[in-house]
Amino acid sequence: MEVTSATSFMPGKAVESPELKELRDTAEHLVGNVFYGTLLKAMRESSMQGKYGHGGRGEEVFNAQLDQVLAERMGKASHGGLADSIYKTMKKQQESFHQSPAKATELEPLK
């Protein structure tokens, strides 16, 4: 799999190759689930629940599902933020791996 930059250009907007699109989706998924998901879960656990007005187990399940959807959307919506930084780092690492002169199969054994 070769990593390339934008494959074609639209007026004012670069179109990413499928590999880079997959890499960006992975970074957004990582930020959404790990960062925002953990944040939302901690917020739910720290909320004070009184004797009344609490929906019980049904509300807990619904809130967990809602938090999952919110975390995924927040990860995709954080353009220029944490997801973008992770994407750039992963892209740089992937490009350096594909441009390295020696592949893993071509390395000499240690003596």
PDB file of N, CA and C in Angstrom:
ATOM      1  N   MET A   1       0.853  -1.170   0.000  1.00  0.00           N
ATOM      2  CA  MET A   1       0.000   0.000   0.000  1.00  0.00           C
ATOM      3  C   MET A   1       0.896   1.230   0.000  1.00  0.00           C
ATOM      4  N   GLU A   2       0.767   2.023  -1.014  1.00  0.00           N
ATOM      5  CA  GLU A   2       1.583   3.223  -1.134  1.00  0.00           C
ATOM      6  C   GLU A   2       0.781   4.434  -0.697  1.00  0.00           C
ATOM      7  N   VAL A   3       1.409   5.276   0.093  1.00  0.00           N
ATOM      8  CA  VAL A   3       0.741   6.473   0.582  1.00  0.00           C
ATOM      9  C   VAL A   3       1.074   7.619  -0.350  1.00  0.00           C
ATOM     10  N   THR A   4       0.062   8.277  -0.825  1.00  0.00           N
ATOM     11  CA  THR A   4       0.264   9.436  -1.675  1.00  0.00           C
ATOM     12  C   THR A   4      -0.495  10.609  -1.107  1.00  0.00           C
ATOM     13  N   SER A   5      -0.121  11.775  -1.560  1.00  0.00           N
ATOM     14  CA  SER A   5      -0.843  12.967  -1.131  1.00  0.00           C
ATOM     15  C   SER A   5      -2.158  13.023  -1.882  1.00  0.00           C
ATOM     16  N   ALA A   6      -2.679  14.193  -2.035  1.00  0.00           N
ATOM     17  CA  ALA A   6      -3.943  14.352  -2.729  1.00  0.00           C
ATOM     18  C   ALA A   6      -3.812  13.787  -4.139  1.00  0.00           C
ATOM     19  N   THR A   7      -4.798  13.031  -4.582  1.00  0.00           N
ATOM     20  CA  THR A   7      -4.730  12.395  -5.889  1.00  0.00           C
ATOM     21  C   THR A   7      -5.222  13.304  -6.993  1.00  0.00           C
ATOM     22  N   SER A   8      -6.165  14.145  -6.703  1.00  0.00           N
ATOM     23  CA  SER A   8      -6.651  15.090  -7.695  1.00  0.00           C
ATOM     24  C   SER A   8      -7.146  16.320  -6.966  1.00  0.00           C
ATOM     25  N   PHE A   9      -7.356  17.348  -7.716  1.00  0.00           N
ATOM     26  CA  PHE A   9      -7.768  18.596  -7.090  1.00  0.00           C
ATOM     27  C   PHE A   9      -9.094  19.063  -7.638  1.00  0.00           C
ATOM     28  N   MET A  10      -9.914  19.499  -6.736  1.00  0.00           N
ATOM     29  CA  MET A  10     -11.148  20.173  -7.101  1.00  0.00           C
ATOM     30  C   MET A  10     -10.896  21.644  -6.844  1.00  0.00           C
ATOM     31  N   PRO A  11     -11.662  22.514  -7.416  1.00  0.00           N
ATOM     32  CA  PRO A  11     -11.420  23.939  -7.170  1.00  0.00           C
ATOM     33  C   PRO A  11     -11.449  24.263  -5.685  1.00  0.00           C
ATOM     34  N   GLY A  12     -10.287  24.554  -5.126  1.00  0.00           N
ATOM     35  CA  GLY A  12     -10.191  24.955  -3.728  1.00  0.00           C
ATOM     36  C   GLY A  12     -10.184  23.825  -2.723  1.00  0.00           C
ATOM     37  N   LYS A  13     -10.290  22.573  -3.180  1.00  0.00           N
ATOM     38  CA  LYS A  13     -10.346  21.465  -2.230  1.00  0.00           C
ATOM     39  C   LYS A  13      -9.573  20.269  -2.776  1.00  0.00           C
ATOM     40  N   ALA A  14      -8.689  19.708  -1.941  1.00  0.00           N
ATOM     41  CA  ALA A  14      -7.921  18.529  -2.325  1.00  0.00           C
ATOM     42  C   ALA A  14      -8.714  17.277  -1.987  1.00  0.00           C
ATOM     43  N   VAL A  15      -8.631  16.283  -2.870  1.00  0.00           N
ATOM     44  CA  VAL A  15      -9.301  15.007  -2.631  1.00  0.00           C
ATOM     45  C   VAL A  15      -8.256  14.018  -2.153  1.00  0.00           C
ATOM     46  N   GLU A  16      -8.512  13.377  -1.013  1.00  0.00           N
ATOM     47  CA  GLU A  16      -7.560  12.444  -0.437  1.00  0.00           C
ATOM     48  C   GLU A  16      -7.654  11.084  -1.113  1.00  0.00           C
ATOM     49  N   SER A  17      -6.531  10.397  -1.129  1.00  0.00           N
ATOM     50  CA  SER A  17      -6.527   9.031  -1.628  1.00  0.00           C
ATOM     51  C   SER A  17      -7.300   8.161  -0.638  1.00  0.00           C
ATOM     52  N   PRO A  18      -7.741   6.988  -1.064  1.00  0.00           N
ATOM     53  CA  PRO A  18      -8.485   6.106  -0.143  1.00  0.00           C
ATOM     54  C   PRO A  18      -7.676   5.725   1.099  1.00  0.00           C
ATOM     55  N   GLU A  19      -6.343   5.567   0.950  1.00  0.00           N
ATOM     56  CA  GLU A  19      -5.510   5.216   2.098  1.00  0.00           C
ATOM     57  C   GLU A  19      -5.484   6.344   3.121  1.00  0.00           C
ATOM     58  N   LEU A  20      -5.363   7.590   2.628  1.00  0.00           N
ATOM     59  CA  LEU A  20      -5.340   8.729   3.540  1.00  0.00           C
ATOM     60  C   LEU A  20      -6.707   8.978   4.158  1.00  0.00           C
ATOM     61  N   LYS A  21      -7.764   8.708   3.401  1.00  0.00           N
ATOM     62  CA  LYS A  21      -9.124   8.839   3.942  1.00  0.00           C
ATOM     63  C   LYS A  21      -9.319   7.843   5.078  1.00  0.00           C
ATOM     64  N   GLU A  22      -8.840   6.621   4.885  1.00  0.00           N
ATOM     65  CA  GLU A  22      -8.944   5.596   5.924  1.00  0.00           C
ATOM     66  C   GLU A  22      -8.120   5.986   7.158  1.00  0.00           C
ATOM     67  N   LEU A  23      -6.960   6.565   6.925  1.00  0.00           N
ATOM     68  CA  LEU A  23      -6.106   7.015   8.026  1.00  0.00           C
ATOM     69  C   LEU A  23      -6.778   8.136   8.815  1.00  0.00           C
ATOM     70  N   ARG A  24      -7.404   9.086   8.103  1.00  0.00           N
ATOM     71  CA  ARG A  24      -8.117  10.183   8.773  1.00  0.00           C
ATOM     72  C   ARG A  24      -9.298   9.641   9.573  1.00  0.00           C
ATOM     73  N   ASP A  25     -10.043   8.703   8.998  1.00  0.00           N
ATOM     74  CA  ASP A  25     -11.176   8.096   9.712  1.00  0.00           C
ATOM     75  C   ASP A  25     -10.702   7.386  10.980  1.00  0.00           C
ATOM     76  N   THR A  26      -9.560   6.716  10.898  1.00  0.00           N
ATOM     77  CA  THR A  26      -9.003   6.030  12.060  1.00  0.00           C
ATOM     78  C   THR A  26      -8.640   7.024  13.156  1.00  0.00           C
ATOM     79  N   ALA A  27      -8.020   8.140  12.767  1.00  0.00           N
ATOM     80  CA  ALA A  27      -7.652   9.165  13.756  1.00  0.00           C
ATOM     81  C   ALA A  27      -8.899   9.763  14.405  1.00  0.00           C
ATOM     82  N   GLU A  28      -9.925  10.039  13.607  1.00  0.00           N
ATOM     83  CA  GLU A  28     -11.168  10.596  14.151  1.00  0.00           C
ATOM     84  C   GLU A  28     -11.857   9.604  15.074  1.00  0.00           C
ATOM     85  N   HIS A  29     -11.848   8.338  14.694  1.00  0.00           N
ATOM     86  CA  HIS A  29     -12.451   7.289  15.529  1.00  0.00           C
ATOM     87  C   HIS A  29     -11.694   7.165  16.850  1.00  0.00           C
ATOM     88  N   LEU A  30     -10.380   7.211  16.780  1.00  0.00           N
ATOM     89  CA  LEU A  30      -9.545   7.120  17.978  1.00  0.00           C
ATOM     90  C   LEU A  30      -9.838   8.270  18.937  1.00  0.00           C
ATOM     91  N   VAL A  31      -9.859   9.483  18.422  1.00  0.00           N
ATOM     92  CA  VAL A  31     -10.121  10.650  19.267  1.00  0.00           C
ATOM     93  C   VAL A  31     -11.532  10.600  19.827  1.00  0.00           C
ATOM     94  N   GLY A  32     -12.495  10.228  18.992  1.00  0.00           N
ATOM     95  CA  GLY A  32     -13.881  10.170  19.453  1.00  0.00           C
ATOM     96  C   GLY A  32     -14.080   9.167  20.565  1.00  0.00           C
ATOM     97  N   ASN A  33     -13.605   7.950  20.359  1.00  0.00           N
ATOM     98  CA  ASN A  33     -13.845   6.900  21.349  1.00  0.00           C
ATOM     99  C   ASN A  33     -12.964   7.017  22.581  1.00  0.00           C
ATOM    100  N   VAL A  34     -11.697   7.303  22.387  1.00  0.00           N
ATOM    101  CA  VAL A  34     -10.780   7.332  23.524  1.00  0.00           C
ATOM    102  C   VAL A  34     -10.922   8.625  24.318  1.00  0.00           C
ATOM    103  N   PHE A  35     -10.874   9.756  23.638  1.00  0.00           N
ATOM    104  CA  PHE A  35     -10.875  11.032  24.353  1.00  0.00           C
ATOM    105  C   PHE A  35     -12.291  11.460  24.747  1.00  0.00           C
ATOM    106  N   TYR A  36     -13.133  11.683  23.742  1.00  0.00           N
ATOM    107  CA  TYR A  36     -14.472  12.186  24.040  1.00  0.00           C
ATOM    108  C   TYR A  36     -15.349  11.144  24.728  1.00  0.00           C
ATOM    109  N   GLY A  37     -15.206   9.881  24.356  1.00  0.00           N
ATOM    110  CA  GLY A  37     -15.976   8.822  25.006  1.00  0.00           C
ATOM    111  C   GLY A  37     -15.676   8.723  26.488  1.00  0.00           C
ATOM    112  N   THR A  38     -14.393   8.784  26.824  1.00  0.00           N
ATOM    113  CA  THR A  38     -13.986   8.743  28.227  1.00  0.00           C
ATOM    114  C   THR A  38     -14.478   9.980  28.968  1.00  0.00           C
ATOM    115  N   LEU A  39     -14.405  11.126  28.313  1.00  0.00           N
ATOM    116  CA  LEU A  39     -14.866  12.372  28.922  1.00  0.00           C
ATOM    117  C   LEU A  39     -16.368  12.320  29.216  1.00  0.00           C
ATOM    118  N   LEU A  40     -17.157  11.871  28.250  1.00  0.00           N
ATOM    119  CA  LEU A  40     -18.600  11.781  28.455  1.00  0.00           C
ATOM    120  C   LEU A  40     -18.965  10.761  29.529  1.00  0.00           C
ATOM    121  N   LYS A  41     -18.249   9.640  29.542  1.00  0.00           N
ATOM    122  CA  LYS A  41     -18.514   8.624  30.558  1.00  0.00           C
ATOM    123  C   LYS A  41     -18.233   9.167  31.956  1.00  0.00           C
ATOM    124  N   ALA A  42     -17.132   9.880  32.108  1.00  0.00           N
ATOM    125  CA  ALA A  42     -16.795  10.469  33.408  1.00  0.00           C
ATOM    126  C   ALA A  42     -17.825  11.506  33.826  1.00  0.00           C
ATOM    127  N   MET A  43     -18.324  12.264  32.865  1.00  0.00           N
ATOM    128  CA  MET A  43     -19.347  13.258  33.181  1.00  0.00           C
ATOM    129  C   MET A  43     -20.631  12.581  33.663  1.00  0.00           C
ATOM    130  N   ARG A  44     -21.019  11.490  33.036  1.00  0.00           N
ATOM    131  CA  ARG A  44     -22.243  10.776  33.436  1.00  0.00           C
ATOM    132  C   ARG A  44     -22.091  10.174  34.831  1.00  0.00           C
ATOM    133  N   GLU A  45     -20.912   9.623  35.112  1.00  0.00           N
ATOM    134  CA  GLU A  45     -20.695   8.987  36.410  1.00  0.00           C
ATOM    135  C   GLU A  45     -20.614  10.005  37.541  1.00  0.00           C
ATOM    136  N   SER A  46     -20.196  11.223  37.224  1.00  0.00           N
ATOM    137  CA  SER A  46     -20.055  12.214  38.277  1.00  0.00           C
ATOM    138  C   SER A  46     -21.341  12.991  38.549  1.00  0.00           C
ATOM    139  N   SER A  47     -22.347  12.787  37.725  1.00  0.00           N
ATOM    140  CA  SER A  47     -23.591  13.528  37.940  1.00  0.00           C
ATOM    141  C   SER A  47     -24.283  13.009  39.198  1.00  0.00           C
ATOM    142  N   MET A  48     -24.864  13.928  39.901  1.00  0.00           N
ATOM    143  CA  MET A  48     -25.554  13.558  41.141  1.00  0.00           C
ATOM    144  C   MET A  48     -26.966  13.078  40.798  1.00  0.00           C
ATOM    145  N   GLN A  49     -27.274  11.883  41.195  1.00  0.00           N
ATOM    146  CA  GLN A  49     -28.600  11.336  40.939  1.00  0.00           C
ATOM    147  C   GLN A  49     -29.370  11.297  42.244  1.00  0.00           C
ATOM    148  N   GLY A  50     -30.471  11.958  42.209  1.00  0.00           N
ATOM    149  CA  GLY A  50     -31.299  11.990  43.398  1.00  0.00           C
ATOM    150  C   GLY A  50     -32.226  10.798  43.471  1.00  0.00           C
ATOM    151  N   LYS A  51     -33.057  10.799  44.473  1.00  0.00           N
ATOM    152  CA  LYS A  51     -34.028   9.728  44.647  1.00  0.00           C
ATOM    153  C   LYS A  51     -35.078   9.742  43.546  1.00  0.00           C
ATOM    154  N   TYR A  52     -35.413  10.941  43.093  1.00  0.00           N
ATOM    155  CA  TYR A  52     -36.474  11.103  42.104  1.00  0.00           C
ATOM    156  C   TYR A  52     -35.900  11.658  40.804  1.00  0.00           C
ATOM    157  N   GLY A  53     -36.594  11.387  39.723  1.00  0.00           N
ATOM    158  CA  GLY A  53     -36.185  11.916  38.437  1.00  0.00           C
ATOM    159  C   GLY A  53     -35.127  11.106  37.725  1.00  0.00           C
ATOM    160  N   HIS A  54     -34.825   9.951  38.240  1.00  0.00           N
ATOM    161  CA  HIS A  54     -33.845   9.088  37.603  1.00  0.00           C
ATOM    162  C   HIS A  54     -34.608   7.963  36.909  1.00  0.00           C
ATOM    163  N   GLY A  55     -34.293   7.738  35.621  1.00  0.00           N
ATOM    164  CA  GLY A  55     -35.049   6.786  34.813  1.00  0.00           C
ATOM    165  C   GLY A  55     -34.669   5.340  34.985  1.00  0.00           C
ATOM    166  N   GLY A  56     -33.722   5.033  35.824  1.00  0.00           N
ATOM    167  CA  GLY A  56     -33.346   3.646  36.075  1.00  0.00           C
ATOM    168  C   GLY A  56     -32.439   3.079  35.006  1.00  0.00           C
ATOM    169  N   ARG A  57     -32.520   1.767  34.845  1.00  0.00           N
ATOM    170  CA  ARG A  57     -31.623   1.040  33.937  1.00  0.00           C
ATOM    171  C   ARG A  57     -31.836   1.453  32.480  1.00  0.00           C
ATOM    172  N   GLY A  58     -33.059   1.704  32.078  1.00  0.00           N
ATOM    173  CA  GLY A  58     -33.347   2.123  30.700  1.00  0.00           C
ATOM    174  C   GLY A  58     -32.649   3.420  30.351  1.00  0.00           C
ATOM    175  N   GLU A  59     -32.682   4.362  31.269  1.00  0.00           N
ATOM    176  CA  GLU A  59     -32.003   5.632  31.033  1.00  0.00           C
ATOM    177  C   GLU A  59     -30.496   5.435  30.954  1.00  0.00           C
ATOM    178  N   GLU A  60     -29.946   4.573  31.777  1.00  0.00           N
ATOM    179  CA  GLU A  60     -28.508   4.320  31.758  1.00  0.00           C
ATOM    180  C   GLU A  60     -28.073   3.736  30.416  1.00  0.00           C
ATOM    181  N   VAL A  61     -28.840   2.786  29.887  1.00  0.00           N
ATOM    182  CA  VAL A  61     -28.514   2.175  28.593  1.00  0.00           C
ATOM    183  C   VAL A  61     -28.625   3.214  27.483  1.00  0.00           C
ATOM    184  N   PHE A  62     -29.706   3.987  27.504  1.00  0.00           N
ATOM    185  CA  PHE A  62     -29.882   5.017  26.489  1.00  0.00           C
ATOM    186  C   PHE A  62     -28.747   6.032  26.547  1.00  0.00           C
ATOM    187  N   ASN A  63     -28.378   6.465  27.735  1.00  0.00           N
ATOM    188  CA  ASN A  63     -27.301   7.443  27.873  1.00  0.00           C
ATOM    189  C   ASN A  63     -25.971   6.896  27.375  1.00  0.00           C
ATOM    190  N   ALA A  64     -25.714   5.616  27.605  1.00  0.00           N
ATOM    191  CA  ALA A  64     -24.473   5.004  27.125  1.00  0.00           C
ATOM    192  C   ALA A  64     -24.451   5.003  25.593  1.00  0.00           C
ATOM    193  N   GLN A  65     -25.575   4.672  24.972  1.00  0.00           N
ATOM    194  CA  GLN A  65     -25.656   4.685  23.512  1.00  0.00           C
ATOM    195  C   GLN A  65     -25.553   6.107  22.967  1.00  0.00           C
ATOM    196  N   LEU A  66     -26.203   7.043  23.635  1.00  0.00           N
ATOM    197  CA  LEU A  66     -26.131   8.437  23.233  1.00  0.00           C
ATOM    198  C   LEU A  66     -24.693   8.947  23.329  1.00  0.00           C
ATOM    199  N   ASP A  67     -24.011   8.615  24.408  1.00  0.00           N
ATOM    200  CA  ASP A  67     -22.621   9.037  24.575  1.00  0.00           C
ATOM    201  C   ASP A  67     -21.732   8.480  23.471  1.00  0.00           C
ATOM    202  N   GLN A  68     -21.987   7.246  23.058  1.00  0.00           N
ATOM    203  CA  GLN A  68     -21.194   6.634  21.994  1.00  0.00           C
ATOM    204  C   GLN A  68     -21.384   7.392  20.679  1.00  0.00           C
ATOM    205  N   VAL A  69     -22.618   7.715  20.344  1.00  0.00           N
ATOM    206  CA  VAL A  69     -22.899   8.456  19.115  1.00  0.00           C
ATOM    207  C   VAL A  69     -22.300   9.860  19.187  1.00  0.00           C
ATOM    208  N   LEU A  70     -22.466  10.514  20.333  1.00  0.00           N
ATOM    209  CA  LEU A  70     -21.900  11.852  20.500  1.00  0.00           C
ATOM    210  C   LEU A  70     -20.381  11.836  20.379  1.00  0.00           C
ATOM    211  N   ALA A  71     -19.740  10.848  20.977  1.00  0.00           N
ATOM    212  CA  ALA A  71     -18.279  10.754  20.918  1.00  0.00           C
ATOM    213  C   ALA A  71     -17.802  10.575  19.479  1.00  0.00           C
ATOM    214  N   GLU A  72     -18.493   9.724  18.700  1.00  0.00           N
ATOM    215  CA  GLU A  72     -18.118   9.515  17.306  1.00  0.00           C
ATOM    216  C   GLU A  72     -18.265  10.807  16.502  1.00  0.00           C
ATOM    217  N   ARG A  73     -19.358  11.506  16.710  1.00  0.00           N
ATOM    218  CA  ARG A  73     -19.589  12.758  15.971  1.00  0.00           C
ATOM    219  C   ARG A  73     -18.623  13.852  16.404  1.00  0.00           C
ATOM    220  N   MET A  74     -18.297  13.898  17.675  1.00  0.00           N
ATOM    221  CA  MET A  74     -17.354  14.898  18.157  1.00  0.00           C
ATOM    222  C   MET A  74     -15.957  14.634  17.593  1.00  0.00           C
ATOM    223  N   GLY A  75     -15.600  13.359  17.450  1.00  0.00           N
ATOM    224  CA  GLY A  75     -14.304  13.015  16.861  1.00  0.00           C
ATOM    225  C   GLY A  75     -14.210  13.457  15.411  1.00  0.00           C
ATOM    226  N   LYS A  76     -15.306  13.316  14.659  1.00  0.00           N
ATOM    227  CA  LYS A  76     -15.325  13.739  13.260  1.00  0.00           C
ATOM    228  C   LYS A  76     -15.395  15.253  13.122  1.00  0.00           C
ATOM    229  N   ALA A  77     -15.986  15.922  14.095  1.00  0.00           N
ATOM    230  CA  ALA A  77     -16.181  17.368  14.008  1.00  0.00           C
ATOM    231  C   ALA A  77     -14.989  18.166  14.496  1.00  0.00           C
ATOM    232  N   SER A  78     -13.965  17.506  15.014  1.00  0.00           N
ATOM    233  CA  SER A  78     -12.836  18.241  15.597  1.00  0.00           C
ATOM    234  C   SER A  78     -11.742  18.488  14.565  1.00  0.00           C
ATOM    235  N   HIS A  79     -12.112  19.051  13.415  1.00  0.00           N
ATOM    236  CA  HIS A  79     -11.125  19.354  12.372  1.00  0.00           C
ATOM    237  C   HIS A  79     -10.173  20.430  12.862  1.00  0.00           C
ATOM    238  N   GLY A  80      -8.895  20.209  12.636  1.00  0.00           N
ATOM    239  CA  GLY A  80      -7.880  21.154  13.075  1.00  0.00           C
ATOM    240  C   GLY A  80      -7.490  20.975  14.530  1.00  0.00           C
ATOM    241  N   GLY A  81      -8.089  20.022  15.208  1.00  0.00           N
ATOM    242  CA  GLY A  81      -7.794  19.810  16.614  1.00  0.00           C
ATOM    243  C   GLY A  81      -6.955  18.577  16.844  1.00  0.00           C
ATOM    244  N   LEU A  82      -7.323  17.830  17.859  1.00  0.00           N
ATOM    245  CA  LEU A  82      -6.567  16.652  18.262  1.00  0.00           C
ATOM    246  C   LEU A  82      -6.558  15.583  17.167  1.00  0.00           C
ATOM    247  N   ALA A  83      -7.702  15.348  16.523  1.00  0.00           N
ATOM    248  CA  ALA A  83      -7.764  14.336  15.466  1.00  0.00           C
ATOM    249  C   ALA A  83      -6.840  14.696  14.310  1.00  0.00           C
ATOM    250  N   ASP A  84      -6.765  15.969  13.968  1.00  0.00           N
ATOM    251  CA  ASP A  84      -5.903  16.404  12.880  1.00  0.00           C
ATOM    252  C   ASP A  84      -4.431  16.212  13.237  1.00  0.00           C
ATOM    253  N   SER A  85      -4.068  16.496  14.474  1.00  0.00           N
ATOM    254  CA  SER A  85      -2.689  16.299  14.918  1.00  0.00           C
ATOM    255  C   SER A  85      -2.298  14.825  14.873  1.00  0.00           C
ATOM    256  N   ILE A  86      -3.190  13.960  15.331  1.00  0.00           N
ATOM    257  CA  ILE A  86      -2.924  12.518  15.303  1.00  0.00           C
ATOM    258  C   ILE A  86      -2.837  12.030  13.861  1.00  0.00           C
ATOM    259  N   TYR A  87      -3.725  12.537  13.004  1.00  0.00           N
ATOM    260  CA  TYR A  87      -3.707  12.158  11.585  1.00  0.00           C
ATOM    261  C   TYR A  87      -2.367  12.529  10.940  1.00  0.00           C
ATOM    262  N   LYS A  88      -1.897  13.751  11.186  1.00  0.00           N
ATOM    263  CA  LYS A  88      -0.633  14.194  10.593  1.00  0.00           C
ATOM    264  C   LYS A  88       0.537  13.343  11.072  1.00  0.00           C
ATOM    265  N   THR A  89       0.538  12.992  12.351  1.00  0.00           N
ATOM    266  CA  THR A  89       1.604  12.150  12.893  1.00  0.00           C
ATOM    267  C   THR A  89       1.567  10.753  12.281  1.00  0.00           C
ATOM    268  N   MET A  90       0.370  10.175  12.186  1.00  0.00           N
ATOM    269  CA  MET A  90       0.234   8.844  11.597  1.00  0.00           C
ATOM    270  C   MET A  90       0.611   8.864  10.117  1.00  0.00           C
ATOM    271  N   LYS A  91       0.244   9.912   9.418  1.00  0.00           N
ATOM    272  CA  LYS A  91       0.572  10.040   7.993  1.00  0.00           C
ATOM    273  C   LYS A  91       2.084  10.121   7.802  1.00  0.00           C
ATOM    274  N   LYS A  92       2.742  10.925   8.633  1.00  0.00           N
ATOM    275  CA  LYS A  92       4.194  11.069   8.542  1.00  0.00           C
ATOM    276  C   LYS A  92       4.889   9.735   8.816  1.00  0.00           C
ATOM    277  N   GLN A  93       4.414   9.009   9.830  1.00  0.00           N
ATOM    278  CA  GLN A  93       5.009   7.705  10.145  1.00  0.00           C
ATOM    279  C   GLN A  93       4.788   6.719   9.007  1.00  0.00           C
ATOM    280  N   GLN A  94       3.611   6.732   8.420  1.00  0.00           N
ATOM    281  CA  GLN A  94       3.314   5.806   7.334  1.00  0.00           C
ATOM    282  C   GLN A  94       4.150   6.147   6.093  1.00  0.00           C
ATOM    283  N   GLU A  95       4.299   7.430   5.796  1.00  0.00           N
ATOM    284  CA  GLU A  95       5.114   7.831   4.653  1.00  0.00           C
ATOM    285  C   GLU A  95       6.575   7.457   4.856  1.00  0.00           C
ATOM    286  N   SER A  96       7.100   7.654   6.064  1.00  0.00           N
ATOM    287  CA  SER A  96       8.501   7.307   6.314  1.00  0.00           C
ATOM    288  C   SER A  96       8.705   5.793   6.244  1.00  0.00           C
ATOM    289  N   PHE A  97       7.697   5.029   6.641  1.00  0.00           N
ATOM    290  CA  PHE A  97       7.806   3.569   6.554  1.00  0.00           C
ATOM    291  C   PHE A  97       7.871   3.125   5.097  1.00  0.00           C
ATOM    292  N   HIS A  98       7.030   3.714   4.252  1.00  0.00           N
ATOM    293  CA  HIS A  98       6.991   3.319   2.843  1.00  0.00           C
ATOM    294  C   HIS A  98       8.166   3.853   2.045  1.00  0.00           C
ATOM    295  N   GLN A  99       8.827   4.897   2.528  1.00  0.00           N
ATOM    296  CA  GLN A  99       9.960   5.472   1.816  1.00  0.00           C
ATOM    297  C   GLN A  99      11.297   4.951   2.316  1.00  0.00           C
ATOM    298  N   SER A 100      11.292   4.126   3.357  1.00  0.00           N
ATOM    299  CA  SER A 100      12.554   3.621   3.892  1.00  0.00           C
ATOM    300  C   SER A 100      13.202   2.699   2.870  1.00  0.00           C
ATOM    301  N   PRO A 101      14.540   2.786   2.711  1.00  0.00           N
ATOM    302  CA  PRO A 101      15.224   1.986   1.689  1.00  0.00           C
ATOM    303  C   PRO A 101      15.232   0.490   1.991  1.00  0.00           C
ATOM    304  N   ALA A 102      15.249   0.109   3.252  1.00  0.00           N
ATOM    305  CA  ALA A 102      15.308  -1.307   3.610  1.00  0.00           C
ATOM    306  C   ALA A 102      13.950  -1.753   4.136  1.00  0.00           C
ATOM    307  N   LYS A 103      13.419  -2.765   3.536  1.00  0.00           N
ATOM    308  CA  LYS A 103      12.163  -3.335   4.009  1.00  0.00           C
ATOM    309  C   LYS A 103      12.463  -4.365   5.093  1.00  0.00           C
ATOM    310  N   ALA A 104      11.463  -4.749   5.836  1.00  0.00           N
ATOM    311  CA  ALA A 104      11.652  -5.695   6.939  1.00  0.00           C
ATOM    312  C   ALA A 104      12.197  -7.035   6.432  1.00  0.00           C
ATOM    313  N   THR A 105      11.829  -7.442   5.226  1.00  0.00           N
ATOM    314  CA  THR A 105      12.291  -8.731   4.696  1.00  0.00           C
ATOM    315  C   THR A 105      13.717  -8.637   4.170  1.00  0.00           C
ATOM    316  N   GLU A 106      14.211  -7.415   3.925  1.00  0.00           N
ATOM    317  CA  GLU A 106      15.550  -7.236   3.365  1.00  0.00           C
ATOM    318  C   GLU A 106      16.613  -6.988   4.416  1.00  0.00           C
ATOM    319  N   LEU A 107      16.234  -6.934   5.671  1.00  0.00           N
ATOM    320  CA  LEU A 107      17.196  -6.651   6.738  1.00  0.00           C
ATOM    321  C   LEU A 107      18.085  -7.869   6.973  1.00  0.00           C
ATOM    322  N   GLU A 108      19.341  -7.573   7.276  1.00  0.00           N
ATOM    323  CA  GLU A 108      20.272  -8.655   7.553  1.00  0.00           C
ATOM    324  C   GLU A 108      20.057  -9.149   8.974  1.00  0.00           C
ATOM    325  N   PRO A 109      20.235 -10.444   9.214  1.00  0.00           N
ATOM    326  CA  PRO A 109      20.063 -10.960  10.565  1.00  0.00           C
ATOM    327  C   PRO A 109      21.172 -10.454  11.484  1.00  0.00           C
ATOM    328  N   LEU A 110      20.847 -10.286  12.751  1.00  0.00           N
ATOM    329  CA  LEU A 110      21.824  -9.863  13.747  1.00  0.00           C
ATOM    330  C   LEU A 110      22.784 -10.996  14.038  1.00  0.00           C
ATOM    331  N   LYS A 111      24.060 -10.669  14.307  1.00  0.00           N
ATOM    332  CA  LYS A 111      25.051 -11.707  14.599  1.00  0.00           C
ATOM    333  C   LYS A 111      25.420 -11.680  16.051  1.00  0.00           C
TER     334      LYS A 111
END
